[in-house]
Amino acid sequence: GDPGFFGIVRALAERFGASALRVLPSVPSVGLAF
């Protein structure tokens, strides 16, 4: 889904910095469920 929503983006940003990340999200599972 969206790895920035309760996902792994936080751990990666803490370790490597947000500028090192390129995030390509899919549809959030919560949004799709609703």
PDB file of all heavy atoms in Angstrom:
ATOM      1  N   GLY A   1       0.801  -1.221   0.000  1.00  0.00           N
ATOM      2  CA  GLY A   1       0.000   0.000   0.000  1.00  0.00           C
ATOM      3  C   GLY A   1       0.828   1.263   0.000  1.00  0.00           C
ATOM      4  O   GLY A   1       1.709   1.474  -0.828  1.00  0.00           O
ATOM      5  N   ASP A   2       0.548   2.130   0.953  1.00  0.00           N
ATOM      6  CA  ASP A   2       1.291   3.377   1.117  1.00  0.00           C
ATOM      7  C   ASP A   2       2.321   3.170   2.224  1.00  0.00           C
ATOM      8  O   ASP A   2       1.973   3.156   3.407  1.00  0.00           O
ATOM      9  CB  ASP A   2       0.334   4.512   1.479  1.00  0.00           C
ATOM     10  CG  ASP A   2       1.048   5.866   1.602  1.00  0.00           C
ATOM     11  OD1 ASP A   2       2.296   5.881   1.567  1.00  0.00           O
ATOM     12  OD2 ASP A   2       0.353   6.885   1.735  1.00  0.00           O
ATOM     13  N   PRO A   3       3.608   3.001   1.881  1.00  0.00           N
ATOM     14  CA  PRO A   3       4.615   2.704   2.910  1.00  0.00           C
ATOM     15  C   PRO A   3       4.923   3.882   3.821  1.00  0.00           C
ATOM     16  O   PRO A   3       5.668   3.732   4.780  1.00  0.00           O
ATOM     17  CB  PRO A   3       5.847   2.308   2.090  1.00  0.00           C
ATOM     18  CG  PRO A   3       5.652   2.971   0.766  1.00  0.00           C
ATOM     19  CD  PRO A   3       4.176   3.008   0.526  1.00  0.00           C
ATOM     20  N   GLY A   4       4.350   5.064   3.543  1.00  0.00           N
ATOM     21  CA  GLY A   4       4.508   6.201   4.437  1.00  0.00           C
ATOM     22  C   GLY A   4       3.420   6.293   5.474  1.00  0.00           C
ATOM     23  O   GLY A   4       3.432   7.184   6.323  1.00  0.00           O
ATOM     24  N   PHE A   5       2.457   5.359   5.449  1.00  0.00           N
ATOM     25  CA  PHE A   5       1.332   5.369   6.381  1.00  0.00           C
ATOM     26  C   PHE A   5       1.476   4.166   7.295  1.00  0.00           C
ATOM     27  O   PHE A   5       1.177   3.047   6.898  1.00  0.00           O
ATOM     28  CB  PHE A   5       0.015   5.323   5.598  1.00  0.00           C
ATOM     29  CG  PHE A   5      -1.213   5.511   6.454  1.00  0.00           C
ATOM     30  CD1 PHE A   5      -1.556   6.765   6.921  1.00  0.00           C
ATOM     31  CD2 PHE A   5      -2.030   4.443   6.771  1.00  0.00           C
ATOM     32  CE1 PHE A   5      -2.688   6.951   7.694  1.00  0.00           C
ATOM     33  CE2 PHE A   5      -3.166   4.613   7.543  1.00  0.00           C
ATOM     34  CZ  PHE A   5      -3.489   5.869   8.013  1.00  0.00           C
ATOM     35  N   PHE A   6       1.961   4.372   8.525  1.00  0.00           N
ATOM     36  CA  PHE A   6       2.257   3.286   9.450  1.00  0.00           C
ATOM     37  C   PHE A   6       3.198   2.262   8.808  1.00  0.00           C
ATOM     38  O   PHE A   6       3.078   1.067   9.059  1.00  0.00           O
ATOM     39  CB  PHE A   6       0.977   2.560   9.895  1.00  0.00           C
ATOM     40  CG  PHE A   6       0.140   3.321  10.870  1.00  0.00           C
ATOM     41  CD1 PHE A   6      -1.088   3.829  10.493  1.00  0.00           C
ATOM     42  CD2 PHE A   6       0.552   3.510  12.167  1.00  0.00           C
ATOM     43  CE1 PHE A   6      -1.880   4.518  11.395  1.00  0.00           C
ATOM     44  CE2 PHE A   6      -0.234   4.195  13.081  1.00  0.00           C
ATOM     45  CZ  PHE A   6      -1.451   4.703  12.696  1.00  0.00           C
ATOM     46  N   GLY A   7       4.113   2.704   7.960  1.00  0.00           N
ATOM     47  CA  GLY A   7       4.932   1.766   7.218  1.00  0.00           C
ATOM     48  C   GLY A   7       6.416   1.979   7.413  1.00  0.00           C
ATOM     49  O   GLY A   7       6.872   2.665   8.325  1.00  0.00           O
ATOM     50  N   ILE A   8       7.192   1.420   6.489  1.00  0.00           N
ATOM     51  CA  ILE A   8       8.636   1.327   6.653  1.00  0.00           C
ATOM     52  C   ILE A   8       9.357   2.625   6.319  1.00  0.00           C
ATOM     53  O   ILE A   8      10.551   2.774   6.611  1.00  0.00           O
ATOM     54  CB  ILE A   8       9.175   0.165   5.776  1.00  0.00           C
ATOM     55  CG1 ILE A   8      10.561  -0.266   6.274  1.00  0.00           C
ATOM     56  CG2 ILE A   8       9.173   0.566   4.299  1.00  0.00           C
ATOM     57  CD1 ILE A   8      11.054  -1.538   5.629  1.00  0.00           C
ATOM     58  N   VAL A   9       8.682   3.606   5.730  1.00  0.00           N
ATOM     59  CA  VAL A   9       9.337   4.863   5.373  1.00  0.00           C
ATOM     60  C   VAL A   9       9.963   5.531   6.593  1.00  0.00           C
ATOM     61  O   VAL A   9      11.068   6.078   6.524  1.00  0.00           O
ATOM     62  CB  VAL A   9       8.345   5.815   4.664  1.00  0.00           C
ATOM     63  CG1 VAL A   9       8.888   7.235   4.619  1.00  0.00           C
ATOM     64  CG2 VAL A   9       8.078   5.320   3.250  1.00  0.00           C
ATOM     65  N   ARG A  10       9.280   5.477   7.723  1.00  0.00           N
ATOM     66  CA  ARG A  10       9.817   6.141   8.907  1.00  0.00           C
ATOM     67  C   ARG A  10      11.162   5.539   9.311  1.00  0.00           C
ATOM     68  O   ARG A  10      12.123   6.262   9.601  1.00  0.00           O
ATOM     69  CB  ARG A  10       8.830   6.038  10.055  1.00  0.00           C
ATOM     70  CG  ARG A  10       9.398   6.588  11.352  1.00  0.00           C
ATOM     71  CD  ARG A  10       8.400   6.543  12.484  1.00  0.00           C
ATOM     72  NE  ARG A  10       9.042   6.903  13.736  1.00  0.00           N
ATOM     73  CZ  ARG A  10       8.406   7.062  14.875  1.00  0.00           C
ATOM     74  NH1 ARG A  10       7.114   6.918  14.909  1.00  0.00           N
ATOM     75  NH2 ARG A  10       9.057   7.371  15.965  1.00  0.00           N
ATOM     76  N   ALA A  11      11.240   4.207   9.378  1.00  0.00           N
ATOM     77  CA  ALA A  11      12.483   3.568   9.793  1.00  0.00           C
ATOM     78  C   ALA A  11      13.612   3.878   8.817  1.00  0.00           C
ATOM     79  O   ALA A  11      14.758   4.118   9.217  1.00  0.00           O
ATOM     80  CB  ALA A  11      12.277   2.061   9.902  1.00  0.00           C
ATOM     81  N   LEU A  12      13.303   3.876   7.511  1.00  0.00           N
ATOM     82  CA  LEU A  12      14.326   4.180   6.519  1.00  0.00           C
ATOM     83  C   LEU A  12      14.779   5.636   6.619  1.00  0.00           C
ATOM     84  O   LEU A  12      15.972   5.938   6.501  1.00  0.00           O
ATOM     85  CB  LEU A  12      13.786   3.888   5.116  1.00  0.00           C
ATOM     86  CG  LEU A  12      13.542   2.410   4.787  1.00  0.00           C
ATOM     87  CD1 LEU A  12      12.762   2.282   3.483  1.00  0.00           C
ATOM     88  CD2 LEU A  12      14.853   1.641   4.715  1.00  0.00           C
ATOM     89  N   ALA A  13      13.830   6.556   6.832  1.00  0.00           N
ATOM     90  CA  ALA A  13      14.187   7.973   6.937  1.00  0.00           C
ATOM     91  C   ALA A  13      15.022   8.234   8.181  1.00  0.00           C
ATOM     92  O   ALA A  13      15.939   9.068   8.155  1.00  0.00           O
ATOM     93  CB  ALA A  13      12.922   8.826   6.948  1.00  0.00           C
ATOM     94  N   GLU A  14      14.713   7.543   9.277  1.00  0.00           N
ATOM     95  CA  GLU A  14      15.505   7.716  10.487  1.00  0.00           C
ATOM     96  C   GLU A  14      16.943   7.257  10.279  1.00  0.00           C
ATOM     97  O   GLU A  14      17.887   7.858  10.807  1.00  0.00           O
ATOM     98  CB  GLU A  14      14.874   6.931  11.644  1.00  0.00           C
ATOM     99  CG  GLU A  14      13.630   7.569  12.227  1.00  0.00           C
ATOM    100  CD  GLU A  14      13.067   6.768  13.380  1.00  0.00           C
ATOM    101  OE1 GLU A  14      13.387   5.551  13.475  1.00  0.00           O
ATOM    102  OE2 GLU A  14      12.305   7.333  14.180  1.00  0.00           O
ATOM    103  N   ARG A  15      17.120   6.186   9.515  1.00  0.00           N
ATOM    104  CA  ARG A  15      18.464   5.624   9.327  1.00  0.00           C
ATOM    105  C   ARG A  15      19.247   6.337   8.229  1.00  0.00           C
ATOM    106  O   ARG A  15      20.443   6.634   8.390  1.00  0.00           O
ATOM    107  CB  ARG A  15      18.342   4.127   9.004  1.00  0.00           C
ATOM    108  CG  ARG A  15      19.661   3.413   8.748  1.00  0.00           C
ATOM    109  CD  ARG A  15      20.502   3.308  10.017  1.00  0.00           C
ATOM    110  NE  ARG A  15      21.740   2.589   9.775  1.00  0.00           N
ATOM    111  CZ  ARG A  15      21.889   1.278   9.929  1.00  0.00           C
ATOM    112  NH1 ARG A  15      20.871   0.546  10.367  1.00  0.00           N
ATOM    113  NH2 ARG A  15      23.041   0.705   9.688  1.00  0.00           N
ATOM    114  N   PHE A  16      18.582   6.641   7.105  1.00  0.00           N
ATOM    115  CA  PHE A  16      19.304   7.128   5.938  1.00  0.00           C
ATOM    116  C   PHE A  16      18.980   8.578   5.577  1.00  0.00           C
ATOM    117  O   PHE A  16      19.650   9.153   4.723  1.00  0.00           O
ATOM    118  CB  PHE A  16      19.010   6.221   4.730  1.00  0.00           C
ATOM    119  CG  PHE A  16      19.364   4.787   4.967  1.00  0.00           C
ATOM    120  CD1 PHE A  16      18.378   3.846   5.198  1.00  0.00           C
ATOM    121  CD2 PHE A  16      20.689   4.374   4.976  1.00  0.00           C
ATOM    122  CE1 PHE A  16      18.698   2.521   5.437  1.00  0.00           C
ATOM    123  CE2 PHE A  16      21.026   3.047   5.203  1.00  0.00           C
ATOM    124  CZ  PHE A  16      20.026   2.117   5.441  1.00  0.00           C
ATOM    125  N   GLY A  17      17.957   9.165   6.209  1.00  0.00           N
ATOM    126  CA  GLY A  17      17.552  10.527   5.893  1.00  0.00           C
ATOM    127  C   GLY A  17      16.479  10.543   4.815  1.00  0.00           C
ATOM    128  O   GLY A  17      16.497   9.744   3.878  1.00  0.00           O
ATOM    129  N   ALA A  18      15.535  11.473   4.961  1.00  0.00           N
ATOM    130  CA  ALA A  18      14.422  11.547   4.011  1.00  0.00           C
ATOM    131  C   ALA A  18      14.890  11.867   2.603  1.00  0.00           C
ATOM    132  O   ALA A  18      14.279  11.432   1.614  1.00  0.00           O
ATOM    133  CB  ALA A  18      13.411  12.596   4.480  1.00  0.00           C
ATOM    134  N   SER A  19      15.992  12.619   2.468  1.00  0.00           N
ATOM    135  CA  SER A  19      16.468  12.999   1.135  1.00  0.00           C
ATOM    136  C   SER A  19      17.009  11.813   0.354  1.00  0.00           C
ATOM    137  O   SER A  19      17.177  11.895  -0.869  1.00  0.00           O
ATOM    138  CB  SER A  19      17.550  14.080   1.259  1.00  0.00           C
ATOM    139  OG  SER A  19      18.666  13.588   1.995  1.00  0.00           O
ATOM    140  N   ALA A  20      17.270  10.701   1.035  1.00  0.00           N
ATOM    141  CA  ALA A  20      17.777   9.514   0.350  1.00  0.00           C
ATOM    142  C   ALA A  20      16.667   8.635  -0.188  1.00  0.00           C
ATOM    143  O   ALA A  20      16.944   7.611  -0.823  1.00  0.00           O
ATOM    144  CB  ALA A  20      18.661   8.704   1.296  1.00  0.00           C
ATOM    145  N   LEU A  21      15.412   9.005   0.070  1.00  0.00           N
ATOM    146  CA  LEU A  21      14.287   8.143  -0.281  1.00  0.00           C
ATOM    147  C   LEU A  21      13.502   8.712  -1.451  1.00  0.00           C
ATOM    148  O   LEU A  21      13.271   9.925  -1.534  1.00  0.00           O
ATOM    149  CB  LEU A  21      13.345   7.982   0.910  1.00  0.00           C
ATOM    150  CG  LEU A  21      13.948   7.491   2.226  1.00  0.00           C
ATOM    151  CD1 LEU A  21      12.843   7.345   3.274  1.00  0.00           C
ATOM    152  CD2 LEU A  21      14.689   6.176   2.045  1.00  0.00           C
ATOM    153  N   ARG A  22      13.088   7.813  -2.336  1.00  0.00           N
ATOM    154  CA  ARG A  22      12.086   8.133  -3.349  1.00  0.00           C
ATOM    155  C   ARG A  22      10.928   7.170  -3.109  1.00  0.00           C
ATOM    156  O   ARG A  22      11.077   5.961  -3.261  1.00  0.00           O
ATOM    157  CB  ARG A  22      12.640   7.947  -4.760  1.00  0.00           C
ATOM    158  CG  ARG A  22      11.595   8.240  -5.839  1.00  0.00           C
ATOM    159  CD  ARG A  22      12.173   8.144  -7.232  1.00  0.00           C
ATOM    160  NE  ARG A  22      12.665   6.813  -7.550  1.00  0.00           N
ATOM    161  CZ  ARG A  22      12.810   6.357  -8.799  1.00  0.00           C
ATOM    162  NH1 ARG A  22      12.528   7.135  -9.827  1.00  0.00           N
ATOM    163  NH2 ARG A  22      13.277   5.144  -9.008  1.00  0.00           N
ATOM    164  N   VAL A  23       9.780   7.713  -2.717  1.00  0.00           N
ATOM    165  CA  VAL A  23       8.643   6.884  -2.317  1.00  0.00           C
ATOM    166  C   VAL A  23       7.602   6.889  -3.424  1.00  0.00           C
ATOM    167  O   VAL A  23       7.136   7.953  -3.843  1.00  0.00           O
ATOM    168  CB  VAL A  23       8.026   7.389  -0.997  1.00  0.00           C
ATOM    169  CG1 VAL A  23       6.870   6.497  -0.572  1.00  0.00           C
ATOM    170  CG2 VAL A  23       9.088   7.439   0.104  1.00  0.00           C
ATOM    171  N   LEU A  24       7.233   5.697  -3.879  1.00  0.00           N
ATOM    172  CA  LEU A  24       6.208   5.527  -4.908  1.00  0.00           C
ATOM    173  C   LEU A  24       5.068   4.721  -4.295  1.00  0.00           C
ATOM    174  O   LEU A  24       5.065   3.487  -4.334  1.00  0.00           O
ATOM    175  CB  LEU A  24       6.788   4.792  -6.129  1.00  0.00           C
ATOM    176  CG  LEU A  24       8.014   5.432  -6.783  1.00  0.00           C
ATOM    177  CD1 LEU A  24       8.544   4.537  -7.905  1.00  0.00           C
ATOM    178  CD2 LEU A  24       7.673   6.810  -7.323  1.00  0.00           C
ATOM    179  N   PRO A  25       4.089   5.387  -3.690  1.00  0.00           N
ATOM    180  CA  PRO A  25       3.042   4.653  -2.964  1.00  0.00           C
ATOM    181  C   PRO A  25       2.019   4.032  -3.897  1.00  0.00           C
ATOM    182  O   PRO A  25       1.812   4.482  -5.025  1.00  0.00           O
ATOM    183  CB  PRO A  25       2.401   5.735  -2.102  1.00  0.00           C
ATOM    184  CG  PRO A  25       2.580   6.994  -2.906  1.00  0.00           C
ATOM    185  CD  PRO A  25       3.912   6.842  -3.594  1.00  0.00           C
ATOM    186  N   SER A  26       1.380   3.011  -3.382  1.00  0.00           N
ATOM    187  CA  SER A  26       0.184   2.463  -4.006  1.00  0.00           C
ATOM    188  C   SER A  26      -1.026   3.010  -3.250  1.00  0.00           C
ATOM    189  O   SER A  26      -0.885   3.866  -2.376  1.00  0.00           O
ATOM    190  CB  SER A  26       0.226   0.935  -3.960  1.00  0.00           C
ATOM    191  OG  SER A  26      -0.896   0.391  -4.629  1.00  0.00           O
ATOM    192  N   VAL A  27      -2.210   2.525  -3.579  1.00  0.00           N
ATOM    193  CA  VAL A  27      -3.427   2.998  -2.912  1.00  0.00           C
ATOM    194  C   VAL A  27      -3.392   2.548  -1.453  1.00  0.00           C
ATOM    195  O   VAL A  27      -3.163   1.367  -1.177  1.00  0.00           O
ATOM    196  CB  VAL A  27      -4.678   2.426  -3.598  1.00  0.00           C
ATOM    197  CG1 VAL A  27      -5.949   2.888  -2.890  1.00  0.00           C
ATOM    198  CG2 VAL A  27      -4.706   2.824  -5.064  1.00  0.00           C
ATOM    199  N   PRO A  28      -3.588   3.439  -0.480  1.00  0.00           N
ATOM    200  CA  PRO A  28      -3.615   3.012   0.922  1.00  0.00           C
ATOM    201  C   PRO A  28      -4.722   1.995   1.153  1.00  0.00           C
ATOM    202  O   PRO A  28      -5.845   2.158   0.660  1.00  0.00           O
ATOM    203  CB  PRO A  28      -3.894   4.307   1.693  1.00  0.00           C
ATOM    204  CG  PRO A  28      -3.544   5.408   0.759  1.00  0.00           C
ATOM    205  CD  PRO A  28      -3.803   4.891  -0.619  1.00  0.00           C
ATOM    206  N   SER A  29      -4.407   0.953   1.903  1.00  0.00           N
ATOM    207  CA  SER A  29      -5.399  -0.097   2.129  1.00  0.00           C
ATOM    208  C   SER A  29      -6.611   0.439   2.884  1.00  0.00           C
ATOM    209  O   SER A  29      -7.741   0.008   2.629  1.00  0.00           O
ATOM    210  CB  SER A  29      -4.771  -1.257   2.895  1.00  0.00           C
ATOM    211  OG  SER A  29      -4.218  -0.820   4.118  1.00  0.00           O
ATOM    212  N   VAL A  30      -6.410   1.399   3.787  1.00  0.00           N
ATOM    213  CA  VAL A  30      -7.536   1.974   4.525  1.00  0.00           C
ATOM    214  C   VAL A  30      -8.462   2.723   3.569  1.00  0.00           C
ATOM    215  O   VAL A  30      -9.688   2.565   3.606  1.00  0.00           O
ATOM    216  CB  VAL A  30      -7.041   2.899   5.646  1.00  0.00           C
ATOM    217  CG1 VAL A  30      -8.208   3.661   6.267  1.00  0.00           C
ATOM    218  CG2 VAL A  30      -6.308   2.109   6.710  1.00  0.00           C
ATOM    219  N   GLY A  31      -7.883   3.541   2.701  1.00  0.00           N
ATOM    220  CA  GLY A  31      -8.691   4.268   1.733  1.00  0.00           C
ATOM    221  C   GLY A  31      -9.457   3.333   0.821  1.00  0.00           C
ATOM    222  O   GLY A  31     -10.625   3.571   0.493  1.00  0.00           O
ATOM    223  N   LEU A  32      -8.804   2.241   0.398  1.00  0.00           N
ATOM    224  CA  LEU A  32      -9.471   1.285  -0.478  1.00  0.00           C
ATOM    225  C   LEU A  32     -10.600   0.559   0.251  1.00  0.00           C
ATOM    226  O   LEU A  32     -11.670   0.316  -0.315  1.00  0.00           O
ATOM    227  CB  LEU A  32      -8.450   0.286  -1.018  1.00  0.00           C
ATOM    228  CG  LEU A  32      -8.915  -0.664  -2.117  1.00  0.00           C
ATOM    229  CD1 LEU A  32      -9.533   0.096  -3.282  1.00  0.00           C
ATOM    230  CD2 LEU A  32      -7.760  -1.528  -2.597  1.00  0.00           C
ATOM    231  N   ALA A  33     -10.383   0.218   1.527  1.00  0.00           N
ATOM    232  CA  ALA A  33     -11.435  -0.457   2.291  1.00  0.00           C
ATOM    233  C   ALA A  33     -12.661   0.429   2.436  1.00  0.00           C
ATOM    234  O   ALA A  33     -13.802  -0.024   2.268  1.00  0.00           O
ATOM    235  CB  ALA A  33     -10.890  -0.851   3.671  1.00  0.00           C
ATOM    236  N   PHE A  34     -12.445   1.708   2.763  1.00  0.00           N
ATOM    237  CA  PHE A  34     -13.588   2.615   2.863  1.00  0.00           C
ATOM    238  C   PHE A  34     -14.256   2.827   1.506  1.00  0.00           C
ATOM    239  O   PHE A  34     -15.485   2.979   1.426  1.00  0.00           O
ATOM    240  CB  PHE A  34     -13.162   3.951   3.472  1.00  0.00           C
ATOM    241  CG  PHE A  34     -13.133   3.956   4.968  1.00  0.00           C
ATOM    242  CD1 PHE A  34     -11.935   3.962   5.661  1.00  0.00           C
ATOM    243  CD2 PHE A  34     -14.315   3.942   5.700  1.00  0.00           C
ATOM    244  CE1 PHE A  34     -11.913   3.963   7.046  1.00  0.00           C
ATOM    245  CE2 PHE A  34     -14.309   3.939   7.085  1.00  0.00           C
ATOM    246  CZ  PHE A  34     -13.099   3.941   7.763  1.00  0.00           C
TER     247      PHE A  34
END
